[in-house]
Amino acid sequence: MGELSIKVKIANRVYPLTVKRTEEEGIRRAADSINHSINEFERLYAVKDKQDLLAMVALKIASKNFELEQKGVIDGDRIEEDLTKIDELFSQLL
């Protein structure tokens, strides 16, 4: 099981990532979901600032995760670890 270099586009910015082959589909689907949410918020609220849109998407995702965590569907500690990893990846790119 090797690693794979991919590029994902979020909010019209390209991010090169190195991921496990088993994670590729999930990451691409997550990027698509984020972009879809950005487009929806942009359409519904006439917001053009990408940072504001990303913050709105982050809030949407975090609140959904909190809801699932409260229902016992997901493990909040695991999500926090994953978000930390994602933050580290984006920090390396900026």
N, C-alpha and C. Protein backbone atom coordinates (compact mmCIF):
# COMPACT_ATOMS: atom_id res chain seq x y z
N MET A 1 0.84 -1.16 0.00
CA MET A 1 0.00 0.00 0.00
C MET A 1 0.90 1.24 0.00
N GLY A 2 1.05 1.88 -1.16
CA GLY A 2 1.94 3.01 -1.27
C GLY A 2 1.23 4.34 -1.16
N GLU A 3 2.03 5.35 -1.26
CA GLU A 3 1.49 6.70 -1.24
C GLU A 3 1.35 7.21 -2.66
N LEU A 4 0.51 8.20 -2.81
CA LEU A 4 0.15 8.72 -4.11
C LEU A 4 0.17 10.24 -4.04
N SER A 5 0.73 10.89 -5.04
CA SER A 5 0.69 12.35 -5.12
C SER A 5 -0.52 12.75 -5.95
N ILE A 6 -1.37 13.57 -5.36
CA ILE A 6 -2.56 14.03 -6.07
C ILE A 6 -2.68 15.54 -5.92
N LYS A 7 -3.55 16.12 -6.72
CA LYS A 7 -3.87 17.54 -6.60
C LYS A 7 -5.38 17.66 -6.46
N VAL A 8 -5.80 18.42 -5.48
CA VAL A 8 -7.22 18.70 -5.32
C VAL A 8 -7.43 20.20 -5.40
N LYS A 9 -8.56 20.58 -5.95
CA LYS A 9 -8.89 21.99 -6.11
C LYS A 9 -10.03 22.33 -5.15
N ILE A 10 -9.76 23.29 -4.28
CA ILE A 10 -10.76 23.75 -3.33
C ILE A 10 -10.82 25.27 -3.42
N ALA A 11 -12.01 25.79 -3.64
CA ALA A 11 -12.20 27.24 -3.74
C ALA A 11 -11.27 27.86 -4.78
N ASN A 12 -11.15 27.19 -5.90
CA ASN A 12 -10.33 27.66 -7.04
C ASN A 12 -8.83 27.72 -6.75
N ARG A 13 -8.39 26.98 -5.74
CA ARG A 13 -6.95 26.87 -5.46
C ARG A 13 -6.58 25.40 -5.50
N VAL A 14 -5.43 25.12 -6.09
CA VAL A 14 -4.97 23.74 -6.22
C VAL A 14 -4.03 23.41 -5.08
N TYR A 15 -4.26 22.26 -4.46
CA TYR A 15 -3.45 21.80 -3.33
C TYR A 15 -2.84 20.44 -3.67
N PRO A 16 -1.52 20.39 -3.82
CA PRO A 16 -0.88 19.08 -4.03
C PRO A 16 -0.77 18.36 -2.69
N LEU A 17 -1.16 17.11 -2.68
CA LEU A 17 -1.15 16.32 -1.45
C LEU A 17 -0.50 14.97 -1.70
N THR A 18 0.09 14.40 -0.68
CA THR A 18 0.57 13.03 -0.72
C THR A 18 -0.32 12.24 0.23
N VAL A 19 -1.01 11.25 -0.33
CA VAL A 19 -1.99 10.48 0.45
C VAL A 19 -1.78 8.99 0.23
N LYS A 20 -2.34 8.22 1.13
CA LYS A 20 -2.35 6.77 0.93
C LYS A 20 -3.33 6.46 -0.19
N ARG A 21 -3.02 5.45 -0.97
CA ARG A 21 -3.91 5.08 -2.08
C ARG A 21 -5.33 4.82 -1.58
N THR A 22 -5.45 4.25 -0.41
CA THR A 22 -6.78 3.94 0.13
C THR A 22 -7.55 5.19 0.53
N GLU A 23 -6.87 6.32 0.67
CA GLU A 23 -7.52 7.56 1.08
C GLU A 23 -7.90 8.45 -0.10
N GLU A 24 -7.37 8.15 -1.29
CA GLU A 24 -7.54 9.05 -2.43
C GLU A 24 -9.00 9.35 -2.74
N GLU A 25 -9.81 8.34 -2.88
CA GLU A 25 -11.21 8.56 -3.24
C GLU A 25 -11.92 9.41 -2.20
N GLY A 26 -11.69 9.13 -0.93
CA GLY A 26 -12.33 9.90 0.13
C GLY A 26 -11.91 11.36 0.12
N ILE A 27 -10.65 11.61 -0.14
CA ILE A 27 -10.16 12.99 -0.19
C ILE A 27 -10.75 13.72 -1.38
N ARG A 28 -10.80 13.06 -2.53
CA ARG A 28 -11.40 13.70 -3.72
C ARG A 28 -12.89 13.98 -3.50
N ARG A 29 -13.58 13.05 -2.88
CA ARG A 29 -15.00 13.24 -2.61
C ARG A 29 -15.20 14.36 -1.59
N ALA A 30 -14.32 14.44 -0.60
CA ALA A 30 -14.41 15.51 0.39
C ALA A 30 -14.20 16.87 -0.27
N ALA A 31 -13.22 16.96 -1.17
CA ALA A 31 -12.96 18.22 -1.88
C ALA A 31 -14.17 18.60 -2.73
N ASP A 32 -14.77 17.62 -3.40
CA ASP A 32 -15.97 17.88 -4.19
C ASP A 32 -17.11 18.39 -3.31
N SER A 33 -17.27 17.77 -2.15
CA SER A 33 -18.31 18.17 -1.21
C SER A 33 -18.08 19.59 -0.71
N ILE A 34 -16.84 19.92 -0.40
CA ILE A 34 -16.50 21.27 0.06
C ILE A 34 -16.82 22.28 -1.04
N ASN A 35 -16.41 21.98 -2.27
CA ASN A 35 -16.67 22.90 -3.38
C ASN A 35 -18.18 23.06 -3.62
N HIS A 36 -18.92 21.97 -3.50
CA HIS A 36 -20.37 22.05 -3.66
C HIS A 36 -20.98 22.96 -2.59
N SER A 37 -20.53 22.79 -1.36
CA SER A 37 -21.04 23.63 -0.27
C SER A 37 -20.66 25.10 -0.47
N ILE A 38 -19.45 25.34 -0.93
CA ILE A 38 -19.02 26.71 -1.22
C ILE A 38 -19.95 27.34 -2.25
N ASN A 39 -20.22 26.60 -3.33
CA ASN A 39 -21.10 27.12 -4.39
C ASN A 39 -22.50 27.39 -3.87
N GLU A 40 -23.02 26.50 -3.01
CA GLU A 40 -24.35 26.68 -2.44
C GLU A 40 -24.40 27.93 -1.56
N PHE A 41 -23.42 28.10 -0.68
CA PHE A 41 -23.39 29.27 0.19
C PHE A 41 -23.24 30.54 -0.64
N GLU A 42 -22.42 30.49 -1.66
CA GLU A 42 -22.22 31.65 -2.52
C GLU A 42 -23.53 32.04 -3.21
N ARG A 43 -24.26 31.04 -3.66
CA ARG A 43 -25.53 31.28 -4.34
C ARG A 43 -26.60 31.79 -3.36
N LEU A 44 -26.69 31.15 -2.20
CA LEU A 44 -27.75 31.50 -1.24
C LEU A 44 -27.54 32.84 -0.55
N TYR A 45 -26.30 33.18 -0.27
CA TYR A 45 -26.02 34.37 0.54
C TYR A 45 -25.28 35.47 -0.21
N ALA A 46 -25.01 35.29 -1.48
CA ALA A 46 -24.32 36.29 -2.29
C ALA A 46 -22.99 36.72 -1.68
N VAL A 47 -22.32 35.77 -1.04
CA VAL A 47 -20.99 36.03 -0.46
C VAL A 47 -19.95 35.68 -1.51
N LYS A 48 -18.99 36.56 -1.71
CA LYS A 48 -17.96 36.32 -2.73
C LYS A 48 -16.59 36.03 -2.14
N ASP A 49 -16.35 36.44 -0.90
CA ASP A 49 -15.05 36.24 -0.27
C ASP A 49 -14.85 34.75 0.04
N LYS A 50 -13.85 34.15 -0.58
CA LYS A 50 -13.63 32.71 -0.43
C LYS A 50 -13.33 32.32 1.01
N GLN A 51 -12.64 33.17 1.75
CA GLN A 51 -12.34 32.86 3.14
C GLN A 51 -13.63 32.78 3.96
N ASP A 52 -14.55 33.71 3.72
CA ASP A 52 -15.83 33.67 4.41
C ASP A 52 -16.59 32.40 4.04
N LEU A 53 -16.56 32.05 2.78
CA LEU A 53 -17.26 30.84 2.33
C LEU A 53 -16.65 29.59 2.95
N LEU A 54 -15.32 29.54 3.01
CA LEU A 54 -14.65 28.40 3.63
C LEU A 54 -14.99 28.31 5.12
N ALA A 55 -15.08 29.46 5.79
CA ALA A 55 -15.45 29.46 7.21
C ALA A 55 -16.87 28.94 7.38
N MET A 56 -17.77 29.31 6.49
CA MET A 56 -19.15 28.84 6.56
C MET A 56 -19.21 27.32 6.34
N VAL A 57 -18.43 26.83 5.40
CA VAL A 57 -18.38 25.39 5.14
C VAL A 57 -17.79 24.66 6.34
N ALA A 58 -16.73 25.21 6.92
CA ALA A 58 -16.11 24.59 8.09
C ALA A 58 -17.12 24.50 9.24
N LEU A 59 -17.90 25.56 9.44
CA LEU A 59 -18.91 25.57 10.49
C LEU A 59 -19.99 24.51 10.21
N LYS A 60 -20.40 24.40 8.97
CA LYS A 60 -21.40 23.41 8.58
C LYS A 60 -20.89 21.99 8.88
N ILE A 61 -19.66 21.71 8.47
CA ILE A 61 -19.08 20.38 8.67
C ILE A 61 -18.89 20.10 10.16
N ALA A 62 -18.36 21.08 10.89
CA ALA A 62 -18.12 20.89 12.32
C ALA A 62 -19.44 20.66 13.07
N SER A 63 -20.48 21.40 12.72
CA SER A 63 -21.76 21.22 13.42
C SER A 63 -22.37 19.86 13.10
N LYS A 64 -22.22 19.40 11.87
CA LYS A 64 -22.72 18.06 11.51
C LYS A 64 -21.94 16.98 12.25
N ASN A 65 -20.62 17.15 12.33
CA ASN A 65 -19.80 16.19 13.08
C ASN A 65 -20.18 16.19 14.57
N PHE A 66 -20.43 17.36 15.13
CA PHE A 66 -20.83 17.45 16.53
C PHE A 66 -22.15 16.71 16.75
N GLU A 67 -23.07 16.91 15.82
CA GLU A 67 -24.37 16.24 15.90
C GLU A 67 -24.21 14.72 15.86
N LEU A 68 -23.37 14.23 14.95
CA LEU A 68 -23.12 12.79 14.85
C LEU A 68 -22.40 12.26 16.08
N GLU A 69 -21.49 13.06 16.61
CA GLU A 69 -20.76 12.66 17.82
C GLU A 69 -21.72 12.53 19.00
N GLN A 70 -22.64 13.47 19.12
CA GLN A 70 -23.62 13.42 20.21
C GLN A 70 -24.52 12.19 20.12
N LYS A 71 -24.76 11.74 18.90
CA LYS A 71 -25.58 10.55 18.68
C LYS A 71 -24.76 9.26 18.84
N GLY A 72 -23.45 9.42 19.03
CA GLY A 72 -22.58 8.26 19.20
C GLY A 72 -22.23 7.57 17.89
N VAL A 73 -22.46 8.25 16.77
CA VAL A 73 -22.19 7.67 15.46
C VAL A 73 -20.70 7.73 15.12
N ILE A 74 -20.03 8.80 15.56
CA ILE A 74 -18.61 8.98 15.26
C ILE A 74 -17.82 9.29 16.52
N ASP A 75 -16.52 9.13 16.41
CA ASP A 75 -15.61 9.35 17.53
C ASP A 75 -14.98 10.73 17.38
N GLY A 76 -15.28 11.64 18.29
CA GLY A 76 -14.78 13.01 18.22
C GLY A 76 -13.27 13.12 18.29
N ASP A 77 -12.61 12.24 19.03
CA ASP A 77 -11.16 12.29 19.13
C ASP A 77 -10.53 12.00 17.78
N ARG A 78 -11.08 11.06 17.06
CA ARG A 78 -10.56 10.70 15.74
C ARG A 78 -10.73 11.88 14.76
N ILE A 79 -11.85 12.55 14.84
CA ILE A 79 -12.10 13.70 13.97
C ILE A 79 -11.10 14.80 14.27
N GLU A 80 -10.84 15.04 15.54
CA GLU A 80 -9.88 16.08 15.91
C GLU A 80 -8.50 15.75 15.35
N GLU A 81 -8.10 14.49 15.41
CA GLU A 81 -6.82 14.07 14.85
C GLU A 81 -6.79 14.30 13.34
N ASP A 82 -7.88 13.93 12.67
CA ASP A 82 -7.95 14.11 11.22
C ASP A 82 -7.90 15.59 10.84
N LEU A 83 -8.63 16.43 11.59
CA LEU A 83 -8.61 17.86 11.30
C LEU A 83 -7.22 18.46 11.53
N THR A 84 -6.53 17.98 12.54
CA THR A 84 -5.17 18.43 12.80
C THR A 84 -4.26 18.06 11.63
N LYS A 85 -4.39 16.84 11.12
CA LYS A 85 -3.60 16.41 9.97
C LYS A 85 -3.90 17.27 8.75
N ILE A 86 -5.18 17.55 8.52
CA ILE A 86 -5.56 18.39 7.38
C ILE A 86 -4.98 19.78 7.54
N ASP A 87 -5.05 20.34 8.74
CA ASP A 87 -4.49 21.66 9.00
C ASP A 87 -2.99 21.68 8.74
N GLU A 88 -2.30 20.63 9.15
CA GLU A 88 -0.86 20.54 8.91
C GLU A 88 -0.55 20.49 7.42
N LEU A 89 -1.34 19.73 6.66
CA LEU A 89 -1.13 19.65 5.21
C LEU A 89 -1.32 21.01 4.55
N PHE A 90 -2.39 21.73 4.92
CA PHE A 90 -2.62 23.04 4.34
C PHE A 90 -1.55 24.04 4.77
N SER A 91 -1.08 23.94 6.01
CA SER A 91 -0.02 24.82 6.49
C SER A 91 1.26 24.64 5.70
N GLN A 92 1.55 23.40 5.31
CA GLN A 92 2.75 23.12 4.52
C GLN A 92 2.66 23.77 3.14
N LEU A 93 1.44 23.91 2.63
CA LEU A 93 1.25 24.44 1.29
C LEU A 93 1.22 25.96 1.24
N LEU A 94 0.93 26.58 2.36
CA LEU A 94 0.80 28.05 2.36
C LEU A 94 2.10 28.76 2.65
